[in-house]
């Protein structure tokens, strides 16, 4: 294992793994990748070799072990990017951290009803009112950030940031399930989808042969 190694789950399904993987790839942070198959018997013994939480993702870097998607992104931003993975403006940086944490902690109904599946492209599905409310909230976040902080670039805060990495799995969910969006949100979705790193992740996910029935809507 190299000095910087990111242990992830299936690319087809693992939204939490995607976030730090995309963040590191976007900023060309070199790392070794170890992919473990989720929810098979060997996973539970393998992951404990790498992560005290027993979950992916987990980063090993220069003798340190960092687990949890948001913690890994924050760590990489601090140690490898000199802070450029968050807005330089203090007000914008505070909002970026807030919306990243909101994504990290919330939207449980959306996660459940629109599970991440890179190979799913069957179009719109019905969702509950509570999940629809979460869709509206995410659209509000994207629209507000783009209009207030994103004028100097194409991402939520202009330049690509931790916030964009945190919402990338939502972009895939909205695209897979054909969630109807207004112009600002749709343009942002298309910007994230067009990232070469994300396209590489999607292609790798579609090529995986493992099937998790819980993620197959």
N, C-alpha and C. Protein backbone atom coordinates (compact mmCIF):
# COMPACT_ATOMS: atom_id res chain seq x y z
N UNK A 1 0.84 -1.20 0.00
CA UNK A 1 0.00 0.00 0.00
C UNK A 1 0.88 1.25 0.00
N UNK A 2 0.55 2.21 -0.86
CA UNK A 2 1.35 3.43 -0.98
C UNK A 2 1.11 4.34 0.22
N UNK A 3 1.88 5.43 0.30
CA UNK A 3 1.76 6.34 1.44
C UNK A 3 0.41 7.04 1.48
N UNK A 4 -0.25 7.21 0.31
CA UNK A 4 -1.59 7.78 0.25
C UNK A 4 -2.50 6.78 -0.44
N UNK A 5 -3.46 6.25 0.30
CA UNK A 5 -4.31 5.19 -0.22
C UNK A 5 -5.74 5.43 0.22
N UNK A 6 -6.68 5.37 -0.73
CA UNK A 6 -8.09 5.53 -0.44
C UNK A 6 -8.80 4.20 -0.65
N UNK A 7 -9.44 3.73 0.40
CA UNK A 7 -10.18 2.48 0.34
C UNK A 7 -11.65 2.82 0.15
N UNK A 8 -12.25 2.26 -0.91
CA UNK A 8 -13.61 2.60 -1.30
C UNK A 8 -14.44 1.33 -1.47
N UNK A 9 -15.76 1.53 -1.64
CA UNK A 9 -16.67 0.43 -1.97
C UNK A 9 -16.97 0.39 -3.45
N UNK A 10 -18.00 -0.35 -3.81
CA UNK A 10 -18.40 -0.48 -5.21
C UNK A 10 -18.66 0.89 -5.84
N UNK A 11 -18.10 1.13 -7.00
CA UNK A 11 -18.33 2.41 -7.68
C UNK A 11 -19.77 2.51 -8.19
N UNK A 12 -20.38 1.41 -8.46
CA UNK A 12 -21.76 1.43 -8.93
C UNK A 12 -22.71 1.99 -7.87
N UNK A 13 -22.39 1.76 -6.59
CA UNK A 13 -23.34 2.04 -5.53
C UNK A 13 -22.87 3.00 -4.44
N UNK A 14 -21.58 3.11 -4.20
CA UNK A 14 -21.09 3.75 -2.97
C UNK A 14 -20.98 5.27 -3.10
N UNK A 15 -22.04 5.96 -2.70
CA UNK A 15 -22.04 7.42 -2.76
C UNK A 15 -21.00 8.02 -1.83
N UNK A 16 -20.84 7.43 -0.66
CA UNK A 16 -19.87 7.99 0.29
C UNK A 16 -18.45 7.87 -0.25
N UNK A 17 -18.15 6.77 -0.94
CA UNK A 17 -16.81 6.61 -1.52
C UNK A 17 -16.56 7.60 -2.64
N UNK A 18 -17.60 7.89 -3.41
CA UNK A 18 -17.44 8.80 -4.55
C UNK A 18 -16.94 10.17 -4.11
N UNK A 19 -17.43 10.67 -3.01
CA UNK A 19 -17.15 12.07 -2.64
C UNK A 19 -15.65 12.36 -2.50
N UNK A 20 -14.91 11.68 -1.63
CA UNK A 20 -13.48 12.00 -1.54
C UNK A 20 -12.69 11.55 -2.76
N UNK A 21 -13.15 10.47 -3.41
CA UNK A 21 -12.48 10.02 -4.64
C UNK A 21 -12.53 11.10 -5.69
N UNK A 22 -13.71 11.68 -5.92
CA UNK A 22 -13.86 12.73 -6.91
C UNK A 22 -13.07 13.98 -6.52
N UNK A 23 -13.12 14.32 -5.25
CA UNK A 23 -12.38 15.50 -4.77
C UNK A 23 -10.88 15.35 -5.04
N UNK A 24 -10.34 14.20 -4.71
CA UNK A 24 -8.91 13.97 -4.92
C UNK A 24 -8.57 13.92 -6.40
N UNK A 25 -9.41 13.28 -7.19
CA UNK A 25 -9.15 13.20 -8.63
C UNK A 25 -9.22 14.58 -9.28
N UNK A 26 -10.20 15.37 -8.91
CA UNK A 26 -10.34 16.69 -9.52
C UNK A 26 -9.08 17.51 -9.31
N UNK A 27 -8.53 17.43 -8.11
CA UNK A 27 -7.35 18.24 -7.78
C UNK A 27 -6.03 17.52 -8.04
N UNK A 28 -6.10 16.38 -8.73
CA UNK A 28 -4.89 15.64 -9.10
C UNK A 28 -4.02 15.28 -7.91
N UNK A 29 -4.66 14.91 -6.82
CA UNK A 29 -3.93 14.41 -5.66
C UNK A 29 -3.65 12.92 -5.92
N UNK A 30 -2.40 12.52 -6.00
CA UNK A 30 -2.13 11.12 -6.30
C UNK A 30 -2.47 10.20 -5.13
N UNK A 31 -3.11 9.09 -5.42
CA UNK A 31 -3.40 8.11 -4.37
C UNK A 31 -3.58 6.74 -5.00
N UNK A 32 -3.30 5.74 -4.20
CA UNK A 32 -3.62 4.37 -4.57
C UNK A 32 -5.08 4.10 -4.20
N UNK A 33 -5.75 3.34 -5.01
CA UNK A 33 -7.16 3.00 -4.78
C UNK A 33 -7.30 1.52 -4.47
N UNK A 34 -7.98 1.22 -3.38
CA UNK A 34 -8.34 -0.16 -3.06
C UNK A 34 -9.86 -0.23 -3.00
N UNK A 35 -10.44 -1.07 -3.85
CA UNK A 35 -11.90 -1.21 -3.89
C UNK A 35 -12.31 -2.53 -3.25
N UNK A 36 -13.23 -2.43 -2.30
CA UNK A 36 -13.77 -3.62 -1.64
C UNK A 36 -15.23 -3.79 -2.05
N UNK A 37 -15.65 -5.02 -2.25
CA UNK A 37 -17.04 -5.30 -2.57
C UNK A 37 -17.89 -5.19 -1.31
N UNK A 38 -18.93 -4.39 -1.36
CA UNK A 38 -19.77 -4.15 -0.20
C UNK A 38 -20.68 -5.34 0.09
N UNK A 39 -20.92 -5.54 1.38
CA UNK A 39 -21.95 -6.45 1.87
C UNK A 39 -21.76 -7.91 1.46
N UNK A 40 -20.55 -8.28 1.16
CA UNK A 40 -20.24 -9.70 1.01
C UNK A 40 -19.47 -10.11 2.27
N UNK A 41 -19.46 -11.41 2.61
CA UNK A 41 -18.82 -11.81 3.87
C UNK A 41 -17.39 -11.33 4.03
N UNK A 42 -16.62 -11.32 2.95
CA UNK A 42 -15.22 -10.92 3.06
C UNK A 42 -15.06 -9.43 3.37
N UNK A 43 -16.08 -8.62 3.03
CA UNK A 43 -15.95 -7.18 3.27
C UNK A 43 -15.71 -6.87 4.73
N UNK A 44 -16.43 -7.54 5.60
CA UNK A 44 -16.39 -7.19 7.02
C UNK A 44 -15.06 -7.53 7.67
N UNK A 45 -14.38 -8.52 7.15
CA UNK A 45 -13.04 -8.81 7.66
C UNK A 45 -12.00 -7.94 6.99
N UNK A 46 -12.19 -7.66 5.69
CA UNK A 46 -11.22 -6.83 4.98
C UNK A 46 -11.22 -5.39 5.48
N UNK A 47 -12.39 -4.81 5.67
CA UNK A 47 -12.44 -3.38 5.99
C UNK A 47 -11.83 -3.10 7.36
N UNK A 48 -11.92 -4.03 8.27
CA UNK A 48 -11.34 -3.80 9.60
C UNK A 48 -9.82 -3.78 9.56
N UNK A 49 -9.24 -4.22 8.47
CA UNK A 49 -7.79 -4.07 8.30
C UNK A 49 -7.41 -2.61 8.02
N UNK A 50 -8.39 -1.83 7.56
CA UNK A 50 -8.12 -0.47 7.13
C UNK A 50 -8.81 0.60 7.97
N UNK A 51 -10.02 0.31 8.44
CA UNK A 51 -10.85 1.36 9.05
C UNK A 51 -11.36 0.96 10.42
N UNK A 52 -11.15 1.80 11.44
CA UNK A 52 -11.70 1.48 12.76
C UNK A 52 -13.21 1.55 12.81
N UNK A 53 -13.83 2.26 11.86
CA UNK A 53 -15.29 2.37 11.84
C UNK A 53 -15.95 1.17 11.17
N UNK A 54 -15.17 0.39 10.43
CA UNK A 54 -15.73 -0.73 9.70
C UNK A 54 -16.51 -0.32 8.48
N UNK A 55 -16.23 0.90 7.97
CA UNK A 55 -16.96 1.41 6.81
C UNK A 55 -15.98 2.03 5.81
N UNK A 56 -16.46 2.15 4.58
CA UNK A 56 -15.74 2.92 3.56
C UNK A 56 -16.46 4.25 3.40
N UNK A 57 -15.72 5.26 2.94
CA UNK A 57 -14.30 5.26 2.58
C UNK A 57 -13.42 5.49 3.81
N UNK A 58 -12.15 5.18 3.61
CA UNK A 58 -11.14 5.49 4.61
C UNK A 58 -9.85 5.83 3.87
N UNK A 59 -9.15 6.83 4.36
CA UNK A 59 -7.91 7.28 3.74
C UNK A 59 -6.74 6.97 4.66
N UNK A 60 -5.69 6.38 4.08
CA UNK A 60 -4.41 6.23 4.76
C UNK A 60 -3.44 7.19 4.10
N UNK A 61 -2.86 8.07 4.89
CA UNK A 61 -1.96 9.07 4.33
C UNK A 61 -0.83 9.37 5.30
N UNK A 62 0.38 9.05 4.88
CA UNK A 62 1.57 9.36 5.67
C UNK A 62 1.45 8.86 7.11
N UNK A 63 0.94 7.66 7.26
CA UNK A 63 0.81 7.07 8.58
C UNK A 63 -0.46 7.44 9.33
N UNK A 64 -1.25 8.35 8.79
CA UNK A 64 -2.51 8.73 9.41
C UNK A 64 -3.66 7.93 8.80
N UNK A 65 -4.71 7.71 9.60
CA UNK A 65 -5.92 7.07 9.12
C UNK A 65 -7.07 8.05 9.32
N UNK A 66 -7.76 8.37 8.22
CA UNK A 66 -8.88 9.32 8.27
C UNK A 66 -10.08 8.62 7.65
N UNK A 67 -11.16 8.54 8.41
CA UNK A 67 -12.37 7.91 7.87
C UNK A 67 -13.50 8.93 7.85
N UNK A 68 -14.51 8.62 7.07
CA UNK A 68 -15.67 9.49 6.82
C UNK A 68 -15.38 10.43 5.65
N UNK A 69 -16.35 10.50 4.73
CA UNK A 69 -16.16 11.26 3.48
C UNK A 69 -15.81 12.71 3.70
N UNK A 70 -16.59 13.39 4.54
CA UNK A 70 -16.35 14.81 4.75
C UNK A 70 -15.03 15.06 5.45
N UNK A 71 -14.71 14.23 6.43
CA UNK A 71 -13.43 14.37 7.13
C UNK A 71 -12.25 14.18 6.18
N UNK A 72 -12.38 13.23 5.25
CA UNK A 72 -11.30 12.99 4.30
C UNK A 72 -11.12 14.20 3.39
N UNK A 73 -12.23 14.75 2.89
CA UNK A 73 -12.13 15.93 2.02
C UNK A 73 -11.50 17.11 2.77
N UNK A 74 -11.94 17.34 4.00
CA UNK A 74 -11.37 18.42 4.79
C UNK A 74 -9.88 18.19 5.03
N UNK A 75 -9.50 16.97 5.30
CA UNK A 75 -8.09 16.64 5.54
C UNK A 75 -7.26 16.89 4.28
N UNK A 76 -7.75 16.39 3.13
CA UNK A 76 -7.01 16.60 1.89
C UNK A 76 -6.89 18.08 1.56
N UNK A 77 -7.95 18.82 1.82
CA UNK A 77 -7.92 20.26 1.57
C UNK A 77 -6.85 20.94 2.42
N UNK A 78 -6.74 20.52 3.64
CA UNK A 78 -5.76 21.13 4.56
C UNK A 78 -4.33 20.71 4.26
N UNK A 79 -4.12 19.42 4.00
CA UNK A 79 -2.76 18.91 3.92
C UNK A 79 -2.18 18.88 2.51
N UNK A 80 -3.04 18.82 1.48
CA UNK A 80 -2.55 18.68 0.11
C UNK A 80 -2.87 19.89 -0.77
N UNK A 81 -3.82 20.71 -0.36
CA UNK A 81 -4.29 21.79 -1.26
C UNK A 81 -4.12 23.18 -0.68
N UNK A 82 -3.55 23.29 0.48
CA UNK A 82 -3.37 24.61 1.12
C UNK A 82 -4.67 25.40 1.18
N UNK A 83 -5.79 24.68 1.34
CA UNK A 83 -7.08 25.33 1.53
C UNK A 83 -7.84 25.67 0.27
N UNK A 84 -7.30 25.39 -0.91
CA UNK A 84 -7.99 25.83 -2.13
C UNK A 84 -9.21 24.98 -2.48
N UNK A 85 -9.48 23.97 -1.70
CA UNK A 85 -10.67 23.16 -1.90
C UNK A 85 -11.91 23.74 -1.25
N UNK A 86 -11.79 24.93 -0.66
CA UNK A 86 -12.91 25.69 -0.13
C UNK A 86 -12.77 27.14 -0.58
N UNK A 87 -13.87 27.89 -0.60
CA UNK A 87 -13.78 29.29 -1.04
C UNK A 87 -12.81 30.09 -0.15
N UNK A 88 -12.12 31.05 -0.76
CA UNK A 88 -11.20 31.90 0.00
C UNK A 88 -11.94 32.94 0.83
N UNK A 89 -13.11 33.37 0.36
CA UNK A 89 -13.91 34.33 1.10
C UNK A 89 -14.51 33.67 2.34
N UNK A 90 -14.40 34.33 3.46
CA UNK A 90 -14.85 33.74 4.72
C UNK A 90 -16.34 33.45 4.76
N UNK A 91 -17.15 34.36 4.25
CA UNK A 91 -18.60 34.14 4.25
C UNK A 91 -18.96 32.95 3.37
N UNK A 92 -18.41 32.92 2.18
CA UNK A 92 -18.69 31.81 1.27
C UNK A 92 -18.18 30.50 1.84
N UNK A 93 -17.02 30.53 2.48
CA UNK A 93 -16.46 29.30 3.06
C UNK A 93 -17.37 28.76 4.16
N UNK A 94 -17.93 29.65 4.96
CA UNK A 94 -18.84 29.21 6.02
C UNK A 94 -20.08 28.55 5.44
N UNK A 95 -20.61 29.12 4.36
CA UNK A 95 -21.79 28.54 3.71
C UNK A 95 -21.43 27.20 3.07
N UNK A 96 -20.26 27.14 2.43
CA UNK A 96 -19.83 25.89 1.80
C UNK A 96 -19.73 24.78 2.82
N UNK A 97 -19.19 25.08 3.97
CA UNK A 97 -19.10 24.06 5.03
C UNK A 97 -20.49 23.69 5.53
N UNK A 98 -21.38 24.66 5.62
CA UNK A 98 -22.73 24.39 6.12
C UNK A 98 -23.51 23.49 5.16
N UNK A 99 -23.47 23.80 3.87
CA UNK A 99 -24.23 22.98 2.93
C UNK A 99 -23.60 21.60 2.77
N UNK A 100 -22.27 21.52 2.94
CA UNK A 100 -21.63 20.21 2.89
C UNK A 100 -22.06 19.36 4.08
N UNK A 101 -22.10 19.96 5.25
CA UNK A 101 -22.53 19.24 6.44
C UNK A 101 -24.00 18.86 6.36
N UNK A 102 -24.83 19.74 5.78
CA UNK A 102 -26.25 19.43 5.62
C UNK A 102 -26.42 18.20 4.72
N UNK A 103 -25.65 18.12 3.65
CA UNK A 103 -25.70 16.95 2.78
C UNK A 103 -25.24 15.71 3.54
N UNK A 104 -24.20 15.87 4.30
CA UNK A 104 -23.59 14.77 5.03
C UNK A 104 -24.56 14.16 6.05
N UNK A 105 -25.34 15.01 6.67
CA UNK A 105 -26.17 14.56 7.79
C UNK A 105 -27.63 14.32 7.43
N UNK A 106 -28.08 14.83 6.29
CA UNK A 106 -29.51 14.84 6.02
C UNK A 106 -29.94 14.08 4.78
N UNK A 107 -31.16 14.37 4.35
CA UNK A 107 -31.74 13.85 3.12
C UNK A 107 -31.89 12.33 3.13
N UNK A 108 -32.34 11.81 4.27
CA UNK A 108 -32.45 10.36 4.44
C UNK A 108 -33.49 9.75 3.51
N UNK A 109 -34.62 10.46 3.30
CA UNK A 109 -35.66 9.91 2.44
C UNK A 109 -35.20 9.84 0.99
N UNK A 110 -34.49 10.86 0.56
CA UNK A 110 -33.96 10.86 -0.81
C UNK A 110 -32.99 9.71 -1.01
N UNK A 111 -32.10 9.51 -0.05
CA UNK A 111 -31.14 8.41 -0.15
C UNK A 111 -31.86 7.06 -0.26
N UNK A 112 -32.91 6.91 0.53
CA UNK A 112 -33.63 5.63 0.56
C UNK A 112 -34.43 5.39 -0.70
N UNK A 113 -35.11 6.43 -1.19
CA UNK A 113 -36.03 6.25 -2.30
C UNK A 113 -35.36 6.36 -3.67
N UNK A 114 -34.23 7.06 -3.72
CA UNK A 114 -33.46 7.17 -4.96
C UNK A 114 -32.03 6.70 -4.71
N UNK A 115 -31.85 5.40 -4.50
CA UNK A 115 -30.50 4.90 -4.17
C UNK A 115 -29.54 5.13 -5.33
N UNK A 116 -28.29 5.41 -4.98
CA UNK A 116 -27.29 5.60 -6.03
C UNK A 116 -27.06 4.30 -6.77
N UNK A 117 -27.14 4.37 -8.09
CA UNK A 117 -26.90 3.22 -8.94
C UNK A 117 -26.44 3.76 -10.30
N UNK A 118 -25.14 3.69 -10.54
CA UNK A 118 -24.58 4.29 -11.75
C UNK A 118 -25.12 3.66 -13.03
N UNK A 119 -25.66 2.45 -12.92
CA UNK A 119 -26.16 1.76 -14.10
C UNK A 119 -27.65 1.99 -14.32
N UNK A 120 -28.30 2.73 -13.45
CA UNK A 120 -29.75 2.93 -13.57
C UNK A 120 -30.03 4.13 -14.46
N UNK A 121 -30.77 3.92 -15.51
CA UNK A 121 -31.14 5.03 -16.39
C UNK A 121 -32.55 4.81 -16.95
N UNK A 122 -33.43 4.32 -16.08
CA UNK A 122 -34.78 3.98 -16.53
C UNK A 122 -35.75 5.14 -16.46
N UNK A 123 -35.28 6.29 -16.00
CA UNK A 123 -36.14 7.46 -16.01
C UNK A 123 -36.86 7.70 -14.71
N UNK A 124 -37.85 8.57 -14.77
CA UNK A 124 -38.52 9.07 -13.58
C UNK A 124 -39.25 7.98 -12.82
N UNK A 125 -39.24 8.12 -11.50
CA UNK A 125 -39.97 7.21 -10.62
C UNK A 125 -40.76 8.06 -9.63
N UNK A 126 -41.78 7.47 -9.03
CA UNK A 126 -42.56 8.20 -8.03
C UNK A 126 -41.82 8.17 -6.70
N UNK A 127 -41.90 9.29 -5.97
CA UNK A 127 -41.30 9.38 -4.65
C UNK A 127 -42.29 9.99 -3.69
N UNK A 128 -42.04 9.84 -2.41
CA UNK A 128 -42.94 10.33 -1.38
C UNK A 128 -42.87 11.86 -1.28
N UNK A 129 -43.84 12.43 -0.60
CA UNK A 129 -43.82 13.88 -0.39
C UNK A 129 -42.60 14.32 0.40
N UNK A 130 -42.20 13.51 1.38
CA UNK A 130 -41.04 13.88 2.20
C UNK A 130 -39.76 13.86 1.37
N UNK A 131 -39.64 12.89 0.48
CA UNK A 131 -38.47 12.87 -0.40
C UNK A 131 -38.51 14.04 -1.38
N UNK A 132 -39.69 14.39 -1.86
CA UNK A 132 -39.81 15.52 -2.77
C UNK A 132 -39.42 16.82 -2.09
N UNK A 133 -39.77 16.95 -0.81
CA UNK A 133 -39.36 18.13 -0.06
C UNK A 133 -37.83 18.22 0.02
N UNK A 134 -37.18 17.07 0.15
CA UNK A 134 -35.72 17.07 0.19
C UNK A 134 -35.13 17.44 -1.17
N UNK A 135 -35.78 17.02 -2.24
CA UNK A 135 -35.36 17.44 -3.57
C UNK A 135 -35.45 18.96 -3.69
N UNK A 136 -36.56 19.52 -3.22
CA UNK A 136 -36.73 20.98 -3.26
C UNK A 136 -35.64 21.69 -2.46
N UNK A 137 -35.30 21.14 -1.32
CA UNK A 137 -34.26 21.77 -0.48
C UNK A 137 -32.90 21.75 -1.19
N UNK A 138 -32.57 20.63 -1.80
CA UNK A 138 -31.30 20.55 -2.52
C UNK A 138 -31.28 21.54 -3.67
N UNK A 139 -32.39 21.65 -4.40
CA UNK A 139 -32.45 22.61 -5.49
C UNK A 139 -32.30 24.04 -4.97
N UNK A 140 -32.89 24.31 -3.81
CA UNK A 140 -32.73 25.63 -3.20
C UNK A 140 -31.28 25.92 -2.87
N UNK A 141 -30.58 24.92 -2.35
CA UNK A 141 -29.15 25.08 -2.03
C UNK A 141 -28.36 25.36 -3.30
N UNK A 142 -28.57 24.55 -4.31
CA UNK A 142 -27.81 24.75 -5.55
C UNK A 142 -28.08 26.12 -6.15
N UNK A 143 -29.34 26.50 -6.20
CA UNK A 143 -29.72 27.77 -6.82
C UNK A 143 -29.15 28.94 -6.03
N UNK A 144 -29.28 28.89 -4.71
CA UNK A 144 -28.79 29.99 -3.87
C UNK A 144 -27.28 30.13 -3.98
N UNK A 145 -26.57 29.02 -3.90
CA UNK A 145 -25.11 29.08 -3.97
C UNK A 145 -24.64 29.56 -5.33
N UNK A 146 -25.25 29.07 -6.39
CA UNK A 146 -24.85 29.50 -7.72
C UNK A 146 -25.10 31.00 -7.92
N UNK A 147 -26.25 31.48 -7.46
CA UNK A 147 -26.59 32.88 -7.70
C UNK A 147 -25.80 33.83 -6.81
N UNK A 148 -25.52 33.42 -5.58
CA UNK A 148 -24.86 34.32 -4.64
C UNK A 148 -23.35 34.21 -4.65
N UNK A 149 -22.83 33.00 -4.90
CA UNK A 149 -21.38 32.79 -4.76
C UNK A 149 -20.70 32.24 -6.01
N UNK A 150 -21.47 31.87 -7.02
CA UNK A 150 -20.88 31.13 -8.13
C UNK A 150 -20.63 31.91 -9.39
N UNK A 151 -20.66 33.24 -9.31
CA UNK A 151 -20.58 34.05 -10.54
C UNK A 151 -19.25 33.88 -11.27
N UNK A 152 -18.18 33.53 -10.56
CA UNK A 152 -16.86 33.49 -11.18
C UNK A 152 -16.45 32.09 -11.65
N UNK A 153 -17.41 31.21 -11.76
CA UNK A 153 -17.10 29.86 -12.23
C UNK A 153 -18.39 29.09 -12.46
N UNK A 154 -18.25 27.79 -12.63
CA UNK A 154 -19.39 26.96 -13.00
C UNK A 154 -19.89 26.09 -11.86
N UNK A 155 -19.24 26.19 -10.70
CA UNK A 155 -19.59 25.31 -9.59
C UNK A 155 -20.36 26.09 -8.52
N UNK A 156 -20.71 25.43 -7.43
CA UNK A 156 -21.56 26.06 -6.42
C UNK A 156 -20.97 27.36 -5.90
N UNK A 157 -19.65 27.38 -5.73
CA UNK A 157 -18.97 28.57 -5.22
C UNK A 157 -17.95 29.10 -6.22
N UNK A 158 -18.27 28.94 -7.48
CA UNK A 158 -17.37 29.39 -8.54
C UNK A 158 -16.40 28.29 -8.90
N UNK A 159 -15.35 28.16 -8.12
CA UNK A 159 -14.39 27.08 -8.31
C UNK A 159 -14.90 25.80 -7.65
N UNK A 160 -14.41 24.67 -8.15
CA UNK A 160 -14.77 23.38 -7.56
C UNK A 160 -14.34 23.34 -6.10
N UNK A 161 -15.19 22.78 -5.26
CA UNK A 161 -14.90 22.76 -3.82
C UNK A 161 -15.44 21.47 -3.20
N UNK A 162 -15.19 21.34 -1.91
CA UNK A 162 -15.73 20.20 -1.16
C UNK A 162 -17.23 20.10 -1.33
N UNK A 163 -17.92 21.23 -1.38
CA UNK A 163 -19.37 21.21 -1.53
C UNK A 163 -19.80 20.49 -2.80
N UNK A 164 -19.10 20.72 -3.89
CA UNK A 164 -19.43 20.04 -5.15
C UNK A 164 -19.20 18.54 -5.03
N UNK A 165 -18.13 18.15 -4.37
CA UNK A 165 -17.88 16.72 -4.17
C UNK A 165 -18.97 16.09 -3.32
N UNK A 166 -19.44 16.81 -2.32
CA UNK A 166 -20.48 16.27 -1.44
C UNK A 166 -21.81 16.08 -2.17
N UNK A 167 -22.09 16.94 -3.13
CA UNK A 167 -23.37 16.83 -3.85
C UNK A 167 -23.27 16.02 -5.14
N UNK A 168 -22.09 15.55 -5.50
CA UNK A 168 -21.95 14.78 -6.74
C UNK A 168 -22.83 13.54 -6.78
N UNK A 169 -22.96 12.77 -5.68
CA UNK A 169 -23.86 11.62 -5.74
C UNK A 169 -25.32 12.01 -5.98
N UNK A 170 -25.72 13.19 -5.49
CA UNK A 170 -27.07 13.67 -5.75
C UNK A 170 -27.25 13.97 -7.23
N UNK A 171 -26.23 14.53 -7.86
CA UNK A 171 -26.27 14.75 -9.30
C UNK A 171 -26.54 13.44 -10.02
N UNK A 172 -25.84 12.38 -9.62
CA UNK A 172 -26.05 11.09 -10.27
C UNK A 172 -27.46 10.57 -10.01
N UNK A 173 -27.95 10.75 -8.80
CA UNK A 173 -29.32 10.32 -8.50
C UNK A 173 -30.33 11.08 -9.36
N UNK A 174 -30.20 12.39 -9.40
CA UNK A 174 -31.15 13.19 -10.17
C UNK A 174 -31.10 12.82 -11.66
N UNK A 175 -29.90 12.57 -12.17
CA UNK A 175 -29.77 12.19 -13.58
C UNK A 175 -30.35 10.80 -13.83
N UNK A 176 -30.05 9.85 -12.96
CA UNK A 176 -30.51 8.48 -13.15
C UNK A 176 -32.03 8.38 -13.14
N UNK A 177 -32.65 9.15 -12.23
CA UNK A 177 -34.10 9.04 -12.05
C UNK A 177 -34.86 10.19 -12.72
N UNK A 178 -34.17 10.92 -13.59
CA UNK A 178 -34.80 11.97 -14.40
C UNK A 178 -35.61 12.94 -13.54
N UNK A 179 -35.00 13.42 -12.46
CA UNK A 179 -35.67 14.40 -11.59
C UNK A 179 -35.77 15.72 -12.35
N UNK A 180 -36.94 16.29 -12.40
CA UNK A 180 -37.17 17.53 -13.14
C UNK A 180 -36.57 18.71 -12.38
N UNK A 181 -35.76 19.51 -13.07
CA UNK A 181 -35.05 20.63 -12.47
C UNK A 181 -35.30 21.90 -13.26
N UNK A 182 -35.15 23.03 -12.57
CA UNK A 182 -35.19 24.32 -13.26
C UNK A 182 -33.83 24.58 -13.91
N UNK A 183 -33.74 25.67 -14.66
CA UNK A 183 -32.58 25.90 -15.52
C UNK A 183 -31.27 25.97 -14.75
N UNK A 184 -31.23 26.73 -13.66
CA UNK A 184 -29.97 26.88 -12.91
C UNK A 184 -29.50 25.54 -12.38
N UNK A 185 -30.42 24.77 -11.79
CA UNK A 185 -30.05 23.49 -11.21
C UNK A 185 -29.68 22.48 -12.30
N UNK A 186 -30.38 22.50 -13.42
CA UNK A 186 -30.07 21.58 -14.51
C UNK A 186 -28.70 21.88 -15.11
N UNK A 187 -28.40 23.16 -15.25
CA UNK A 187 -27.08 23.55 -15.78
C UNK A 187 -25.97 23.10 -14.85
N UNK A 188 -26.20 23.25 -13.55
CA UNK A 188 -25.20 22.79 -12.58
C UNK A 188 -25.04 21.28 -12.66
N UNK A 189 -26.15 20.56 -12.72
CA UNK A 189 -26.08 19.10 -12.84
C UNK A 189 -25.25 18.70 -14.05
N UNK A 190 -25.47 19.34 -15.17
CA UNK A 190 -24.74 18.99 -16.39
C UNK A 190 -23.26 19.31 -16.27
N UNK A 191 -22.94 20.38 -15.53
CA UNK A 191 -21.53 20.73 -15.29
C UNK A 191 -20.82 19.63 -14.51
N UNK A 192 -21.46 19.13 -13.46
CA UNK A 192 -20.85 18.07 -12.66
C UNK A 192 -20.76 16.78 -13.46
N UNK A 193 -21.83 16.44 -14.17
CA UNK A 193 -21.82 15.21 -14.97
C UNK A 193 -20.71 15.20 -16.01
N UNK A 194 -20.35 16.37 -16.51
CA UNK A 194 -19.35 16.46 -17.57
C UNK A 194 -17.91 16.30 -17.07
N UNK A 195 -17.71 16.30 -15.75
CA UNK A 195 -16.35 16.17 -15.23
C UNK A 195 -15.74 14.84 -15.68
N UNK A 196 -14.55 14.86 -16.27
CA UNK A 196 -13.93 13.62 -16.72
C UNK A 196 -13.79 12.59 -15.60
N UNK A 197 -13.45 13.04 -14.40
CA UNK A 197 -13.31 12.10 -13.28
C UNK A 197 -14.62 11.42 -12.96
N UNK A 198 -15.72 12.18 -12.99
CA UNK A 198 -17.01 11.58 -12.70
C UNK A 198 -17.42 10.61 -13.80
N UNK A 199 -17.14 10.95 -15.04
CA UNK A 199 -17.43 10.04 -16.13
C UNK A 199 -16.63 8.74 -16.00
N UNK A 200 -15.41 8.85 -15.54
CA UNK A 200 -14.59 7.65 -15.32
C UNK A 200 -15.19 6.79 -14.21
N UNK A 201 -15.66 7.42 -13.14
CA UNK A 201 -16.31 6.70 -12.05
C UNK A 201 -17.55 5.97 -12.57
N UNK A 202 -18.39 6.67 -13.33
CA UNK A 202 -19.62 6.07 -13.85
C UNK A 202 -19.29 4.86 -14.72
N UNK A 203 -18.33 5.01 -15.60
CA UNK A 203 -17.96 3.91 -16.49
C UNK A 203 -17.48 2.70 -15.71
N UNK A 204 -16.67 2.95 -14.69
CA UNK A 204 -16.18 1.84 -13.85
C UNK A 204 -17.33 1.20 -13.09
N UNK A 205 -18.27 2.01 -12.61
CA UNK A 205 -19.42 1.47 -11.89
C UNK A 205 -20.28 0.58 -12.77
N UNK A 206 -20.51 1.02 -13.99
CA UNK A 206 -21.33 0.23 -14.92
C UNK A 206 -20.66 -1.09 -15.28
N UNK A 207 -19.33 -1.13 -15.21
CA UNK A 207 -18.60 -2.34 -15.58
C UNK A 207 -18.56 -3.36 -14.44
N UNK A 208 -18.93 -2.95 -13.23
CA UNK A 208 -18.90 -3.88 -12.10
C UNK A 208 -19.98 -4.94 -12.26
N UNK A 209 -19.69 -6.14 -11.79
CA UNK A 209 -20.63 -7.26 -11.94
C UNK A 209 -21.42 -7.54 -10.68
N UNK A 210 -21.00 -7.03 -9.53
CA UNK A 210 -21.74 -7.30 -8.29
C UNK A 210 -23.10 -6.61 -8.34
N UNK A 211 -24.09 -7.24 -7.77
CA UNK A 211 -25.44 -6.67 -7.71
C UNK A 211 -25.89 -6.62 -6.26
N UNK A 212 -26.24 -5.41 -5.79
CA UNK A 212 -26.81 -5.23 -4.46
C UNK A 212 -28.30 -4.97 -4.64
N UNK A 213 -29.12 -5.91 -4.25
CA UNK A 213 -30.56 -5.79 -4.50
C UNK A 213 -31.15 -4.58 -3.81
N UNK A 214 -30.57 -4.16 -2.68
CA UNK A 214 -31.10 -3.00 -1.97
C UNK A 214 -30.93 -1.71 -2.76
N UNK A 215 -30.00 -1.71 -3.71
CA UNK A 215 -29.73 -0.53 -4.52
C UNK A 215 -30.35 -0.61 -5.91
N UNK A 216 -31.06 -1.70 -6.16
CA UNK A 216 -31.68 -1.90 -7.47
C UNK A 216 -33.15 -1.56 -7.35
N UNK A 217 -33.51 -0.31 -7.64
CA UNK A 217 -34.90 0.11 -7.48
C UNK A 217 -35.79 -0.60 -8.48
